[in-house]
């Protein structure tokens, strides 16, 4: 299973987009995404709901999986 790369959501460009605030209130993600920490107090968006945020602060995995950073993949939990 592949790792997903986090992205920034720019909610202001699409007012029809339904979003939620990430912790700290500085970032927003689409409701179809998960907030993941990418730096101290800064969040990016993983492009799926209920994702697992990886410790490298760059990647994320689908729900019910875990990050295998040695092999750069997501493993079934």
PDB file of N, CA and C in Angstrom:
ATOM      1  N   UNK A   1       0.848  -1.166   0.000  1.00  0.00           N
ATOM      2  CA  UNK A   1       0.000   0.000   0.000  1.00  0.00           C
ATOM      3  C   UNK A   1       0.900   1.238   0.000  1.00  0.00           C
ATOM      4  N   UNK A   2       0.541   2.239  -0.753  1.00  0.00           N
ATOM      5  CA  UNK A   2       1.391   3.419  -0.893  1.00  0.00           C
ATOM      6  C   UNK A   2       1.146   4.436   0.214  1.00  0.00           C
ATOM      7  N   UNK A   3       2.130   5.267   0.440  1.00  0.00           N
ATOM      8  CA  UNK A   3       1.995   6.398   1.346  1.00  0.00           C
ATOM      9  C   UNK A   3       1.416   7.568   0.567  1.00  0.00           C
ATOM     10  N   UNK A   4       0.630   8.390   1.223  1.00  0.00           N
ATOM     11  CA  UNK A   4       0.084   9.589   0.609  1.00  0.00           C
ATOM     12  C   UNK A   4       0.856  10.795   1.109  1.00  0.00           C
ATOM     13  N   UNK A   5       1.036  11.789   0.260  1.00  0.00           N
ATOM     14  CA  UNK A   5       1.734  13.014   0.634  1.00  0.00           C
ATOM     15  C   UNK A   5       0.706  14.046   1.064  1.00  0.00           C
ATOM     16  N   UNK A   6       1.016  14.758   2.142  1.00  0.00           N
ATOM     17  CA  UNK A   6       0.114  15.779   2.661  1.00  0.00           C
ATOM     18  C   UNK A   6       0.090  16.990   1.747  1.00  0.00           C
ATOM     19  N   UNK A   7      -1.026  17.717   1.761  1.00  0.00           N
ATOM     20  CA  UNK A   7      -1.152  18.922   0.958  1.00  0.00           C
ATOM     21  C   UNK A   7      -1.775  20.023   1.796  1.00  0.00           C
ATOM     22  N   UNK A   8      -1.670  21.255   1.323  1.00  0.00           N
ATOM     23  CA  UNK A   8      -2.321  22.392   1.955  1.00  0.00           C
ATOM     24  C   UNK A   8      -3.631  22.659   1.242  1.00  0.00           C
ATOM     25  N   UNK A   9      -4.682  22.914   1.986  1.00  0.00           N
ATOM     26  CA  UNK A   9      -5.963  23.277   1.383  1.00  0.00           C
ATOM     27  C   UNK A   9      -6.120  24.786   1.439  1.00  0.00           C
ATOM     28  N   UNK A  10      -6.536  25.345   0.336  1.00  0.00           N
ATOM     29  CA  UNK A  10      -6.797  26.783   0.300  1.00  0.00           C
ATOM     30  C   UNK A  10      -8.296  26.942   0.132  1.00  0.00           C
ATOM     31  N   UNK A  11      -8.987  27.022   1.253  1.00  0.00           N
ATOM     32  CA  UNK A  11     -10.440  27.047   1.250  1.00  0.00           C
ATOM     33  C   UNK A  11     -10.995  28.335   0.661  1.00  0.00           C
ATOM     34  N   UNK A  12     -10.272  29.419   0.762  1.00  0.00           N
ATOM     35  CA  UNK A  12     -10.774  30.706   0.294  1.00  0.00           C
ATOM     36  C   UNK A  12     -11.021  30.716  -1.208  1.00  0.00           C
ATOM     37  N   UNK A  13     -10.347  29.876  -1.958  1.00  0.00           N
ATOM     38  CA  UNK A  13     -10.503  29.873  -3.408  1.00  0.00           C
ATOM     39  C   UNK A  13     -11.779  29.167  -3.863  1.00  0.00           C
ATOM     40  N   UNK A  14     -12.410  28.393  -2.997  1.00  0.00           N
ATOM     41  CA  UNK A  14     -13.623  27.683  -3.366  1.00  0.00           C
ATOM     42  C   UNK A  14     -14.613  27.764  -2.217  1.00  0.00           C
ATOM     43  N   UNK A  15     -15.503  28.737  -2.279  1.00  0.00           N
ATOM     44  CA  UNK A  15     -16.429  28.962  -1.169  1.00  0.00           C
ATOM     45  C   UNK A  15     -17.422  27.819  -1.004  1.00  0.00           C
ATOM     46  N   UNK A  16     -17.631  27.008  -2.046  1.00  0.00           N
ATOM     47  CA  UNK A  16     -18.551  25.882  -1.952  1.00  0.00           C
ATOM     48  C   UNK A  16     -17.921  24.696  -1.226  1.00  0.00           C
ATOM     49  N   UNK A  17     -16.619  24.708  -1.071  1.00  0.00           N
ATOM     50  CA  UNK A  17     -15.908  23.626  -0.413  1.00  0.00           C
ATOM     51  C   UNK A  17     -16.233  23.626   1.078  1.00  0.00           C
ATOM     52  N   UNK A  18     -16.654  22.487   1.599  1.00  0.00           N
ATOM     53  CA  UNK A  18     -16.951  22.368   3.027  1.00  0.00           C
ATOM     54  C   UNK A  18     -15.663  21.978   3.728  1.00  0.00           C
ATOM     55  N   UNK A  19     -15.274  22.759   4.724  1.00  0.00           N
ATOM     56  CA  UNK A  19     -13.995  22.549   5.394  1.00  0.00           C
ATOM     57  C   UNK A  19     -14.164  22.445   6.901  1.00  0.00           C
ATOM     58  N   UNK A  20     -13.098  22.030   7.556  1.00  0.00           N
ATOM     59  CA  UNK A  20     -13.025  22.060   9.011  1.00  0.00           C
ATOM     60  C   UNK A  20     -11.658  22.617   9.405  1.00  0.00           C
ATOM     61  N   UNK A  21     -11.611  23.259  10.557  1.00  0.00           N
ATOM     62  CA  UNK A  21     -10.358  23.835  11.053  1.00  0.00           C
ATOM     63  C   UNK A  21      -9.507  22.756  11.696  1.00  0.00           C
ATOM     64  N   UNK A  22      -8.216  22.876  11.491  1.00  0.00           N
ATOM     65  CA  UNK A  22      -7.263  21.981  12.146  1.00  0.00           C
ATOM     66  C   UNK A  22      -6.933  22.544  13.528  1.00  0.00           C
ATOM     67  N   UNK A  23      -6.338  21.748  14.418  1.00  0.00           N
ATOM     68  CA  UNK A  23      -5.956  22.256  15.738  1.00  0.00           C
ATOM     69  C   UNK A  23      -5.133  23.540  15.624  1.00  0.00           C
ATOM     70  N   UNK A  24      -5.402  24.485  16.480  1.00  0.00           N
ATOM     71  CA  UNK A  24      -4.708  25.768  16.453  1.00  0.00           C
ATOM     72  C   UNK A  24      -5.407  26.798  15.590  1.00  0.00           C
ATOM     73  N   UNK A  25      -6.305  26.359  14.709  1.00  0.00           N
ATOM     74  CA  UNK A  25      -7.108  27.268  13.906  1.00  0.00           C
ATOM     75  C   UNK A  25      -6.400  27.980  12.769  1.00  0.00           C
ATOM     76  N   UNK A  26      -5.137  27.642  12.485  1.00  0.00           N
ATOM     77  CA  UNK A  26      -4.401  28.330  11.420  1.00  0.00           C
ATOM     78  C   UNK A  26      -4.582  27.672  10.060  1.00  0.00           C
ATOM     79  N   UNK A  27      -4.971  26.414  10.035  1.00  0.00           N
ATOM     80  CA  UNK A  27      -5.127  25.668   8.789  1.00  0.00           C
ATOM     81  C   UNK A  27      -6.532  25.103   8.703  1.00  0.00           C
ATOM     82  N   UNK A  28      -6.997  24.898   7.483  1.00  0.00           N
ATOM     83  CA  UNK A  28      -8.276  24.229   7.248  1.00  0.00           C
ATOM     84  C   UNK A  28      -8.060  23.117   6.230  1.00  0.00           C
ATOM     85  N   UNK A  29      -8.889  22.090   6.335  1.00  0.00           N
ATOM     86  CA  UNK A  29      -8.859  20.982   5.387  1.00  0.00           C
ATOM     87  C   UNK A  29     -10.280  20.715   4.911  1.00  0.00           C
ATOM     88  N   UNK A  30     -10.419  20.170   3.708  1.00  0.00           N
ATOM     89  CA  UNK A  30     -11.750  19.744   3.264  1.00  0.00           C
ATOM     90  C   UNK A  30     -12.291  18.690   4.223  1.00  0.00           C
ATOM     91  N   UNK A  31     -13.610  18.606   4.328  1.00  0.00           N
ATOM     92  CA  UNK A  31     -14.198  17.606   5.218  1.00  0.00           C
ATOM     93  C   UNK A  31     -13.843  16.183   4.807  1.00  0.00           C
ATOM     94  N   UNK A  32     -13.432  15.994   3.572  1.00  0.00           N
ATOM     95  CA  UNK A  32     -13.043  14.668   3.092  1.00  0.00           C
ATOM     96  C   UNK A  32     -11.579  14.348   3.397  1.00  0.00           C
ATOM     97  N   UNK A  33     -10.909  15.225   4.164  1.00  0.00           N
ATOM     98  CA  UNK A  33      -9.482  15.065   4.466  1.00  0.00           C
ATOM     99  C   UNK A  33      -9.250  15.058   5.974  1.00  0.00           C
ATOM    100  N   UNK A  34      -8.044  14.664   6.370  1.00  0.00           N
ATOM    101  CA  UNK A  34      -7.628  14.623   7.771  1.00  0.00           C
ATOM    102  C   UNK A  34      -6.504  15.625   7.994  1.00  0.00           C
ATOM    103  N   UNK A  35      -6.578  16.385   9.074  1.00  0.00           N
ATOM    104  CA  UNK A  35      -5.496  17.304   9.447  1.00  0.00           C
ATOM    105  C   UNK A  35      -4.330  16.491  10.012  1.00  0.00           C
ATOM    106  N   UNK A  36      -3.127  16.752   9.507  1.00  0.00           N
ATOM    107  CA  UNK A  36      -1.918  16.100  10.017  1.00  0.00           C
ATOM    108  C   UNK A  36      -0.852  17.160  10.266  1.00  0.00           C
ATOM    109  N   UNK A  37      -0.201  17.067  11.395  1.00  0.00           N
ATOM    110  CA  UNK A  37       0.869  17.996  11.748  1.00  0.00           C
ATOM    111  C   UNK A  37       2.022  17.852  10.764  1.00  0.00           C
ATOM    112  N   UNK A  38       2.503  18.989  10.216  1.00  0.00           N
ATOM    113  CA  UNK A  38       3.642  18.951   9.296  1.00  0.00           C
ATOM    114  C   UNK A  38       4.824  19.761   9.807  1.00  0.00           C
ATOM    115  N   UNK A  39       4.604  20.548  10.826  1.00  0.00           N
ATOM    116  CA  UNK A  39       5.648  21.354  11.451  1.00  0.00           C
ATOM    117  C   UNK A  39       5.057  21.856  12.754  1.00  0.00           C
ATOM    118  N   UNK A  40       5.837  22.435  13.595  1.00  0.00           N
ATOM    119  CA  UNK A  40       5.350  22.905  14.888  1.00  0.00           C
ATOM    120  C   UNK A  40       4.170  23.860  14.703  1.00  0.00           C
ATOM    121  N   UNK A  41       2.978  23.410  15.066  1.00  0.00           N
ATOM    122  CA  UNK A  41       1.777  24.229  14.990  1.00  0.00           C
ATOM    123  C   UNK A  41       1.206  24.415  13.594  1.00  0.00           C
ATOM    124  N   UNK A  42       1.759  23.750  12.593  1.00  0.00           N
ATOM    125  CA  UNK A  42       1.285  23.881  11.216  1.00  0.00           C
ATOM    126  C   UNK A  42       0.770  22.524  10.743  1.00  0.00           C
ATOM    127  N   UNK A  43      -0.417  22.544  10.137  1.00  0.00           N
ATOM    128  CA  UNK A  43      -1.052  21.310   9.688  1.00  0.00           C
ATOM    129  C   UNK A  43      -1.223  21.300   8.181  1.00  0.00           C
ATOM    130  N   UNK A  44      -1.107  20.126   7.613  1.00  0.00           N
ATOM    131  CA  UNK A  44      -1.438  19.880   6.219  1.00  0.00           C
ATOM    132  C   UNK A  44      -2.630  18.949   6.182  1.00  0.00           C
ATOM    133  N   UNK A  45      -3.078  18.605   4.992  1.00  0.00           N
ATOM    134  CA  UNK A  45      -4.268  17.776   4.832  1.00  0.00           C
ATOM    135  C   UNK A  45      -3.921  16.466   4.143  1.00  0.00           C
ATOM    136  N   UNK A  46      -4.328  15.381   4.739  1.00  0.00           N
ATOM    137  CA  UNK A  46      -4.202  14.070   4.113  1.00  0.00           C
ATOM    138  C   UNK A  46      -5.487  13.848   3.313  1.00  0.00           C
ATOM    139  N   UNK A  47      -5.389  13.430   2.052  1.00  0.00           N
ATOM    140  CA  UNK A  47      -6.565  13.400   1.180  1.00  0.00           C
ATOM    141  C   UNK A  47      -7.540  12.246   1.421  1.00  0.00           C
ATOM    142  N   UNK A  48      -7.808  11.925   2.693  1.00  0.00           N
ATOM    143  CA  UNK A  48      -8.818  10.921   3.023  1.00  0.00           C
ATOM    144  C   UNK A  48      -9.278  11.133   4.459  1.00  0.00           C
ATOM    145  N   UNK A  49     -10.500  10.713   4.747  1.00  0.00           N
ATOM    146  CA  UNK A  49     -11.041  10.854   6.095  1.00  0.00           C
ATOM    147  C   UNK A  49     -10.424   9.817   7.028  1.00  0.00           C
ATOM    148  N   UNK A  50     -10.268  10.190   8.286  1.00  0.00           N
ATOM    149  CA  UNK A  50      -9.784   9.285   9.340  1.00  0.00           C
ATOM    150  C   UNK A  50      -8.433   8.651   9.025  1.00  0.00           C
ATOM    151  N   UNK A  51      -7.581   9.406   8.351  1.00  0.00           N
ATOM    152  CA  UNK A  51      -6.257   8.907   7.972  1.00  0.00           C
ATOM    153  C   UNK A  51      -5.338   8.798   9.188  1.00  0.00           C
ATOM    154  N   UNK A  52      -4.280   8.041   9.024  1.00  0.00           N
ATOM    155  CA  UNK A  52      -3.220   7.914  10.022  1.00  0.00           C
ATOM    156  C   UNK A  52      -2.081   8.827   9.581  1.00  0.00           C
ATOM    157  N   UNK A  53      -1.689   9.758  10.434  1.00  0.00           N
ATOM    158  CA  UNK A  53      -0.587  10.681  10.126  1.00  0.00           C
ATOM    159  C   UNK A  53       0.736  10.012  10.496  1.00  0.00           C
ATOM    160  N   UNK A  54       1.683  10.030   9.575  1.00  0.00           N
ATOM    161  CA  UNK A  54       2.980   9.386   9.818  1.00  0.00           C
ATOM    162  C   UNK A  54       3.914  10.307  10.603  1.00  0.00           C
ATOM    163  N   UNK A  55       4.839   9.699  11.338  1.00  0.00           N
ATOM    164  CA  UNK A  55       5.771  10.449  12.187  1.00  0.00           C
ATOM    165  C   UNK A  55       6.764  11.300  11.412  1.00  0.00           C
ATOM    166  N   UNK A  56       6.919  11.055  10.107  1.00  0.00           N
ATOM    167  CA  UNK A  56       7.864  11.863   9.326  1.00  0.00           C
ATOM    168  C   UNK A  56       7.314  13.251   9.006  1.00  0.00           C
ATOM    169  N   UNK A  57       6.046  13.498   9.353  1.00  0.00           N
ATOM    170  CA  UNK A  57       5.369  14.784   9.142  1.00  0.00           C
ATOM    171  C   UNK A  57       5.215  15.132   7.660  1.00  0.00           C
ATOM    172  N   UNK A  58       5.311  14.124   6.789  1.00  0.00           N
ATOM    173  CA  UNK A  58       5.164  14.337   5.346  1.00  0.00           C
ATOM    174  C   UNK A  58       4.080  13.437   4.765  1.00  0.00           C
ATOM    175  N   UNK A  59       3.974  12.217   5.273  1.00  0.00           N
ATOM    176  CA  UNK A  59       3.096  11.216   4.689  1.00  0.00           C
ATOM    177  C   UNK A  59       1.936  10.857   5.612  1.00  0.00           C
ATOM    178  N   UNK A  60       0.960  10.171   5.035  1.00  0.00           N
ATOM    179  CA  UNK A  60      -0.173   9.650   5.798  1.00  0.00           C
ATOM    180  C   UNK A  60      -0.630   8.350   5.151  1.00  0.00           C
ATOM    181  N   UNK A  61      -1.410   7.587   5.902  1.00  0.00           N
ATOM    182  CA  UNK A  61      -1.897   6.288   5.442  1.00  0.00           C
ATOM    183  C   UNK A  61      -3.408   6.205   5.640  1.00  0.00           C
ATOM    184  N   UNK A  62      -4.063   5.287   4.911  1.00  0.00           N
ATOM    185  CA  UNK A  62      -5.507   5.100   5.075  1.00  0.00           C
ATOM    186  C   UNK A  62      -5.853   4.629   6.489  1.00  0.00           C
ATOM    187  N   UNK A  63      -7.126   4.772   6.869  1.00  0.00           N
ATOM    188  CA  UNK A  63      -7.568   4.282   8.178  1.00  0.00           C
ATOM    189  C   UNK A  63      -7.284   2.783   8.324  1.00  0.00           C
ATOM    190  N   UNK A  64      -7.102   2.343   9.541  1.00  0.00           N
ATOM    191  CA  UNK A  64      -6.852   0.929   9.874  1.00  0.00           C
ATOM    192  C   UNK A  64      -5.543   0.410   9.287  1.00  0.00           C
ATOM    193  N   UNK A  65      -4.602   1.322   9.026  1.00  0.00           N
ATOM    194  CA  UNK A  65      -3.258   0.931   8.605  1.00  0.00           C
ATOM    195  C   UNK A  65      -2.262   1.657   9.498  1.00  0.00           C
ATOM    196  N   UNK A  66      -0.995   1.337   9.330  1.00  0.00           N
ATOM    197  CA  UNK A  66       0.051   2.048  10.057  1.00  0.00           C
ATOM    198  C   UNK A  66       1.183   2.378   9.101  1.00  0.00           C
ATOM    199  N   UNK A  67       1.944   3.380   9.452  1.00  0.00           N
ATOM    200  CA  UNK A  67       3.052   3.846   8.622  1.00  0.00           C
ATOM    201  C   UNK A  67       4.276   2.965   8.846  1.00  0.00           C
ATOM    202  N   UNK A  68       4.852   2.482   7.775  1.00  0.00           N
ATOM    203  CA  UNK A  68       6.125   1.767   7.812  1.00  0.00           C
ATOM    204  C   UNK A  68       7.126   2.674   7.108  1.00  0.00           C
ATOM    205  N   UNK A  69       7.814   3.497   7.875  1.00  0.00           N
ATOM    206  CA  UNK A  69       8.707   4.491   7.290  1.00  0.00           C
ATOM    207  C   UNK A  69      10.007   3.870   6.782  1.00  0.00           C
ATOM    208  N   UNK A  70      10.363   2.690   7.264  1.00  0.00           N
ATOM    209  CA  UNK A  70      11.569   2.020   6.765  1.00  0.00           C
ATOM    210  C   UNK A  70      11.374   1.605   5.307  1.00  0.00           C
ATOM    211  N   UNK A  71      10.211   1.036   5.011  1.00  0.00           N
ATOM    212  CA  UNK A  71       9.921   0.570   3.650  1.00  0.00           C
ATOM    213  C   UNK A  71       9.053   1.558   2.869  1.00  0.00           C
ATOM    214  N   UNK A  72       8.729   2.691   3.480  1.00  0.00           N
ATOM    215  CA  UNK A  72       7.918   3.740   2.846  1.00  0.00           C
ATOM    216  C   UNK A  72       6.600   3.191   2.294  1.00  0.00           C
ATOM    217  N   UNK A  73       5.840   2.556   3.207  1.00  0.00           N
ATOM    218  CA  UNK A  73       4.547   2.017   2.809  1.00  0.00           C
ATOM    219  C   UNK A  73       3.584   2.012   3.986  1.00  0.00           C
ATOM    220  N   UNK A  74       2.326   1.755   3.693  1.00  0.00           N
ATOM    221  CA  UNK A  74       1.302   1.617   4.721  1.00  0.00           C
ATOM    222  C   UNK A  74       1.022   0.129   4.901  1.00  0.00           C
ATOM    223  N   UNK A  75       0.957  -0.305   6.143  1.00  0.00           N
ATOM    224  CA  UNK A  75       0.717  -1.718   6.447  1.00  0.00           C
ATOM    225  C   UNK A  75      -0.625  -1.880   7.131  1.00  0.00           C
ATOM    226  N   UNK A  76      -1.290  -2.997   6.865  1.00  0.00           N
ATOM    227  CA  UNK A  76      -2.543  -3.296   7.552  1.00  0.00           C
ATOM    228  C   UNK A  76      -2.276  -3.380   9.045  1.00  0.00           C
ATOM    229  N   UNK A  77      -3.131  -2.766   9.819  1.00  0.00           N
ATOM    230  CA  UNK A  77      -2.970  -2.726  11.275  1.00  0.00           C
ATOM    231  C   UNK A  77      -3.379  -4.028  11.915  1.00  0.00           C
TER     232      UNK A  77
END
